[in-house]
Amino acid sequence: MERTRAPGLALPPYEPLVEGLDMENVSRSVVVPVEPPPVQPPPRDHLPWSLCSMLYCNVCCLGFLALVFSVKSRDRKVLGDYSGALSYGSTAKHLNITALLLNIFLIILIVALIASGTITMAKLLNRHQQQYDNYPFLGPS
């Protein structure tokens, strides 16, 4: 049987069998080592952090928005769309960070206002006490 080739196609070079070697002695399978692809962890959805942001520091509804994006990220992860899950998870993370920073700022602001109000009220009460002490008929005996 003679090998023919189509016009324009070259035949691959074949080596003839070594003399004295028949087909029963030739291995019929080839083992090709294949390394598995590196396993990447699935993208994070930040759902617990979003729940805490929604329940404890829902400034400007950022905690609720973070929760929505976290749920979307989890849905995408379940469907196998890791790039979509990564995008939604990143958005949820940024919303959580923003909500946390705004909450810290508001807590510091409230503490400062309460402290300054307490100092102002103490000074005002002290001034009224001094005026009360200056009246001869109402002052201490």
C-alpha atoms as a PDB file:
ATOM      1  CA  MET A   1       0.000   0.000   0.000  1.00  0.00           C
ATOM      2  CA  GLU A   2       1.573   3.188  -1.126  1.00  0.00           C
ATOM      3  CA  ARG A   3       1.083   6.445   0.695  1.00  0.00           C
ATOM      4  CA  THR A   4      -0.339   9.200  -1.370  1.00  0.00           C
ATOM      5  CA  ARG A   5      -0.615  12.807  -0.469  1.00  0.00           C
ATOM      6  CA  ALA A   6      -2.988  15.531  -1.323  1.00  0.00           C
ATOM      7  CA  PRO A   7      -1.597  18.334  -3.430  1.00  0.00           C
ATOM      8  CA  GLY A   8       0.095  20.946  -1.262  1.00  0.00           C
ATOM      9  CA  LEU A   9       0.273  18.749   1.867  1.00  0.00           C
ATOM     10  CA  ALA A  10       3.502  17.170   3.013  1.00  0.00           C
ATOM     11  CA  LEU A  11       3.480  13.794   4.686  1.00  0.00           C
ATOM     12  CA  PRO A  12       4.960  13.621   8.179  1.00  0.00           C
ATOM     13  CA  PRO A  13       8.286  11.797   8.321  1.00  0.00           C
ATOM     14  CA  TYR A  14       7.862   8.244   9.516  1.00  0.00           C
ATOM     15  CA  GLU A  15      10.647   6.045  10.768  1.00  0.00           C
ATOM     16  CA  PRO A  16      10.662   2.432   9.697  1.00  0.00           C
ATOM     17  CA  LEU A  17      10.555  -0.270  12.350  1.00  0.00           C
ATOM     18  CA  VAL A  18      13.833  -1.677  13.511  1.00  0.00           C
ATOM     19  CA  GLU A  19      14.620  -5.091  12.086  1.00  0.00           C
ATOM     20  CA  GLY A  20      13.598  -7.914  14.327  1.00  0.00           C
ATOM     21  CA  LEU A  21      10.966  -5.888  16.199  1.00  0.00           C
ATOM     22  CA  ASP A  22       7.392  -6.871  15.707  1.00  0.00           C
ATOM     23  CA  MET A  23       4.226  -5.008  16.782  1.00  0.00           C
ATOM     24  CA  GLU A  24       3.591  -7.201  19.842  1.00  0.00           C
ATOM     25  CA  ASN A  25       6.686  -5.835  21.577  1.00  0.00           C
ATOM     26  CA  VAL A  26       5.922  -2.146  20.932  1.00  0.00           C
ATOM     27  CA  SER A  27       4.002  -0.311  23.631  1.00  0.00           C
ATOM     28  CA  ARG A  28       0.581   0.676  22.441  1.00  0.00           C
ATOM     29  CA  SER A  29      -0.033   3.561  24.798  1.00  0.00           C
ATOM     30  CA  VAL A  30       1.727   6.786  25.503  1.00  0.00           C
ATOM     31  CA  VAL A  31       1.680   8.423  28.907  1.00  0.00           C
ATOM     32  CA  VAL A  32       1.639  12.191  28.770  1.00  0.00           C
ATOM     33  CA  PRO A  33       2.067  13.832  32.172  1.00  0.00           C
ATOM     34  CA  VAL A  34      -0.381  16.690  32.519  1.00  0.00           C
ATOM     35  CA  GLU A  35      -0.200  19.030  35.464  1.00  0.00           C
ATOM     36  CA  PRO A  36      -3.529  20.207  36.801  1.00  0.00           C
ATOM     37  CA  PRO A  37      -4.141  23.921  36.447  1.00  0.00           C
ATOM     38  CA  PRO A  38      -3.358  25.900  39.585  1.00  0.00           C
ATOM     39  CA  VAL A  39      -6.353  25.945  41.860  1.00  0.00           C
ATOM     40  CA  GLN A  40      -7.469  29.477  42.612  1.00  0.00           C
ATOM     41  CA  PRO A  41      -9.706  30.126  45.561  1.00  0.00           C
ATOM     42  CA  PRO A  42     -13.184  31.290  44.609  1.00  0.00           C
ATOM     43  CA  PRO A  43     -13.743  35.041  44.809  1.00  0.00           C
ATOM     44  CA  ARG A  44     -14.966  36.406  48.138  1.00  0.00           C
ATOM     45  CA  ASP A  45     -18.467  37.782  48.406  1.00  0.00           C
ATOM     46  CA  HIS A  46     -18.088  39.564  51.810  1.00  0.00           C
ATOM     47  CA  LEU A  47     -21.616  38.555  52.865  1.00  0.00           C
ATOM     48  CA  PRO A  48     -21.057  38.525  56.677  1.00  0.00           C
ATOM     49  CA  TRP A  49     -19.391  41.940  56.535  1.00  0.00           C
ATOM     50  CA  SER A  50     -22.282  43.270  54.439  1.00  0.00           C
ATOM     51  CA  LEU A  51     -24.807  41.913  56.937  1.00  0.00           C
ATOM     52  CA  CYS A  52     -22.994  43.688  59.777  1.00  0.00           C
ATOM     53  CA  SER A  53     -22.774  46.880  57.736  1.00  0.00           C
ATOM     54  CA  MET A  54     -26.487  46.746  57.040  1.00  0.00           C
ATOM     55  CA  LEU A  55     -27.497  45.995  60.619  1.00  0.00           C
ATOM     56  CA  TYR A  56     -25.071  48.185  62.556  1.00  0.00           C
ATOM     57  CA  CYS A  57     -23.909  51.033  60.370  1.00  0.00           C
ATOM     58  CA  ASN A  58     -26.330  51.530  57.525  1.00  0.00           C
ATOM     59  CA  VAL A  59     -25.185  55.071  56.735  1.00  0.00           C
ATOM     60  CA  CYS A  60     -26.910  56.360  53.589  1.00  0.00           C
ATOM     61  CA  CYS A  61     -28.104  52.783  52.881  1.00  0.00           C
ATOM     62  CA  LEU A  62     -24.553  51.772  51.930  1.00  0.00           C
ATOM     63  CA  GLY A  63     -24.833  48.644  54.069  1.00  0.00           C
ATOM     64  CA  PHE A  64     -27.965  47.586  52.193  1.00  0.00           C
ATOM     65  CA  LEU A  65     -26.280  48.196  48.828  1.00  0.00           C
ATOM     66  CA  ALA A  66     -23.264  46.195  49.969  1.00  0.00           C
ATOM     67  CA  LEU A  67     -25.601  43.346  50.942  1.00  0.00           C
ATOM     68  CA  VAL A  68     -27.249  43.433  47.496  1.00  0.00           C
ATOM     69  CA  PHE A  69     -23.871  43.233  45.742  1.00  0.00           C
ATOM     70  CA  SER A  70     -22.719  40.461  48.086  1.00  0.00           C
ATOM     71  CA  VAL A  71     -25.771  38.364  47.238  1.00  0.00           C
ATOM     72  CA  LYS A  72     -25.197  39.002  43.521  1.00  0.00           C
ATOM     73  CA  SER A  73     -21.585  37.931  43.953  1.00  0.00           C
ATOM     74  CA  ARG A  74     -22.633  34.727  45.701  1.00  0.00           C
ATOM     75  CA  ASP A  75     -25.152  33.977  42.931  1.00  0.00           C
ATOM     76  CA  ARG A  76     -22.492  34.487  40.248  1.00  0.00           C
ATOM     77  CA  LYS A  77     -20.080  32.247  42.171  1.00  0.00           C
ATOM     78  CA  VAL A  78     -22.697  29.473  42.332  1.00  0.00           C
ATOM     79  CA  LEU A  79     -23.299  29.784  38.580  1.00  0.00           C
ATOM     80  CA  GLY A  80     -19.563  29.512  37.905  1.00  0.00           C
ATOM     81  CA  ASP A  81     -19.105  33.073  36.603  1.00  0.00           C
ATOM     82  CA  TYR A  82     -15.981  33.894  38.606  1.00  0.00           C
ATOM     83  CA  SER A  83     -15.235  37.171  36.824  1.00  0.00           C
ATOM     84  CA  GLY A  84     -18.744  38.468  37.549  1.00  0.00           C
ATOM     85  CA  ALA A  85     -18.497  37.251  41.145  1.00  0.00           C
ATOM     86  CA  LEU A  86     -15.145  39.004  41.521  1.00  0.00           C
ATOM     87  CA  SER A  87     -16.607  42.253  40.179  1.00  0.00           C
ATOM     88  CA  TYR A  88     -19.666  42.191  42.443  1.00  0.00           C
ATOM     89  CA  GLY A  89     -17.540  41.127  45.431  1.00  0.00           C
ATOM     90  CA  SER A  90     -15.136  43.995  44.852  1.00  0.00           C
ATOM     91  CA  THR A  91     -18.030  46.466  44.699  1.00  0.00           C
ATOM     92  CA  ALA A  92     -19.464  45.042  47.929  1.00  0.00           C
ATOM     93  CA  LYS A  93     -16.060  45.367  49.606  1.00  0.00           C
ATOM     94  CA  HIS A  94     -15.713  49.010  48.577  1.00  0.00           C
ATOM     95  CA  LEU A  95     -19.244  49.806  49.770  1.00  0.00           C
ATOM     96  CA  ASN A  96     -18.513  48.115  53.105  1.00  0.00           C
ATOM     97  CA  ILE A  97     -15.309  50.103  53.527  1.00  0.00           C
ATOM     98  CA  THR A  98     -17.128  53.347  52.716  1.00  0.00           C
ATOM     99  CA  ALA A  99     -19.946  52.540  55.146  1.00  0.00           C
ATOM    100  CA  LEU A 100     -17.438  51.658  57.865  1.00  0.00           C
ATOM    101  CA  LEU A 101     -15.448  54.877  57.398  1.00  0.00           C
ATOM    102  CA  LEU A 102     -18.608  57.003  57.405  1.00  0.00           C
ATOM    103  CA  ASN A 103     -19.806  55.237  60.534  1.00  0.00           C
ATOM    104  CA  ILE A 104     -16.479  55.837  62.315  1.00  0.00           C
ATOM    105  CA  PHE A 105     -16.578  59.491  61.274  1.00  0.00           C
ATOM    106  CA  LEU A 106     -20.154  59.881  62.549  1.00  0.00           C
ATOM    107  CA  ILE A 107     -19.305  58.215  65.877  1.00  0.00           C
ATOM    108  CA  ILE A 108     -16.317  60.533  66.350  1.00  0.00           C
ATOM    109  CA  LEU A 109     -18.490  63.524  65.424  1.00  0.00           C
ATOM    110  CA  ILE A 110     -21.239  62.532  67.884  1.00  0.00           C
ATOM    111  CA  VAL A 111     -18.727  61.948  70.689  1.00  0.00           C
ATOM    112  CA  ALA A 112     -17.122  65.337  69.991  1.00  0.00           C
ATOM    113  CA  LEU A 113     -20.492  67.101  69.946  1.00  0.00           C
ATOM    114  CA  ILE A 114     -21.591  65.439  73.183  1.00  0.00           C
ATOM    115  CA  ALA A 115     -18.267  66.304  74.842  1.00  0.00           C
ATOM    116  CA  SER A 116     -18.382  69.936  73.708  1.00  0.00           C
ATOM    117  CA  GLY A 117     -22.058  70.200  74.686  1.00  0.00           C
ATOM    118  CA  THR A 118     -21.298  68.784  78.121  1.00  0.00           C
ATOM    119  CA  ILE A 119     -18.460  71.268  78.624  1.00  0.00           C
ATOM    120  CA  THR A 120     -20.667  74.148  77.459  1.00  0.00           C
ATOM    121  CA  MET A 121     -23.511  73.091  79.740  1.00  0.00           C
ATOM    122  CA  ALA A 122     -21.124  72.765  82.702  1.00  0.00           C
ATOM    123  CA  LYS A 123     -19.827  76.287  82.101  1.00  0.00           C
ATOM    124  CA  LEU A 124     -23.380  77.629  81.733  1.00  0.00           C
ATOM    125  CA  LEU A 125     -24.538  75.951  84.945  1.00  0.00           C
ATOM    126  CA  ASN A 126     -21.448  77.239  86.761  1.00  0.00           C
ATOM    127  CA  ARG A 127     -22.231  80.791  85.584  1.00  0.00           C
ATOM    128  CA  HIS A 128     -25.843  80.511  86.737  1.00  0.00           C
ATOM    129  CA  GLN A 129     -24.693  79.128  90.072  1.00  0.00           C
ATOM    130  CA  GLN A 130     -22.400  82.129  90.535  1.00  0.00           C
ATOM    131  CA  GLN A 131     -25.284  84.514  89.716  1.00  0.00           C
ATOM    132  CA  TYR A 132     -27.482  82.666  92.199  1.00  0.00           C
ATOM    133  CA  ASP A 133     -24.808  82.998  94.882  1.00  0.00           C
ATOM    134  CA  ASN A 134     -24.604  86.794  94.294  1.00  0.00           C
ATOM    135  CA  TYR A 135     -28.254  87.456  95.254  1.00  0.00           C
ATOM    136  CA  PRO A 136     -28.358  88.364  98.975  1.00  0.00           C
ATOM    137  CA  PHE A 137     -31.822  87.044  99.664  1.00  0.00           C
ATOM    138  CA  LEU A 138     -31.380  83.779  97.695  1.00  0.00           C
ATOM    139  CA  GLY A 139     -27.744  83.067  98.438  1.00  0.00           C
ATOM    140  CA  PRO A 140     -26.349  80.694 100.992  1.00  0.00           C
ATOM    141  CA  SER A 141     -26.936  81.638 104.614  1.00  0.00           C
END
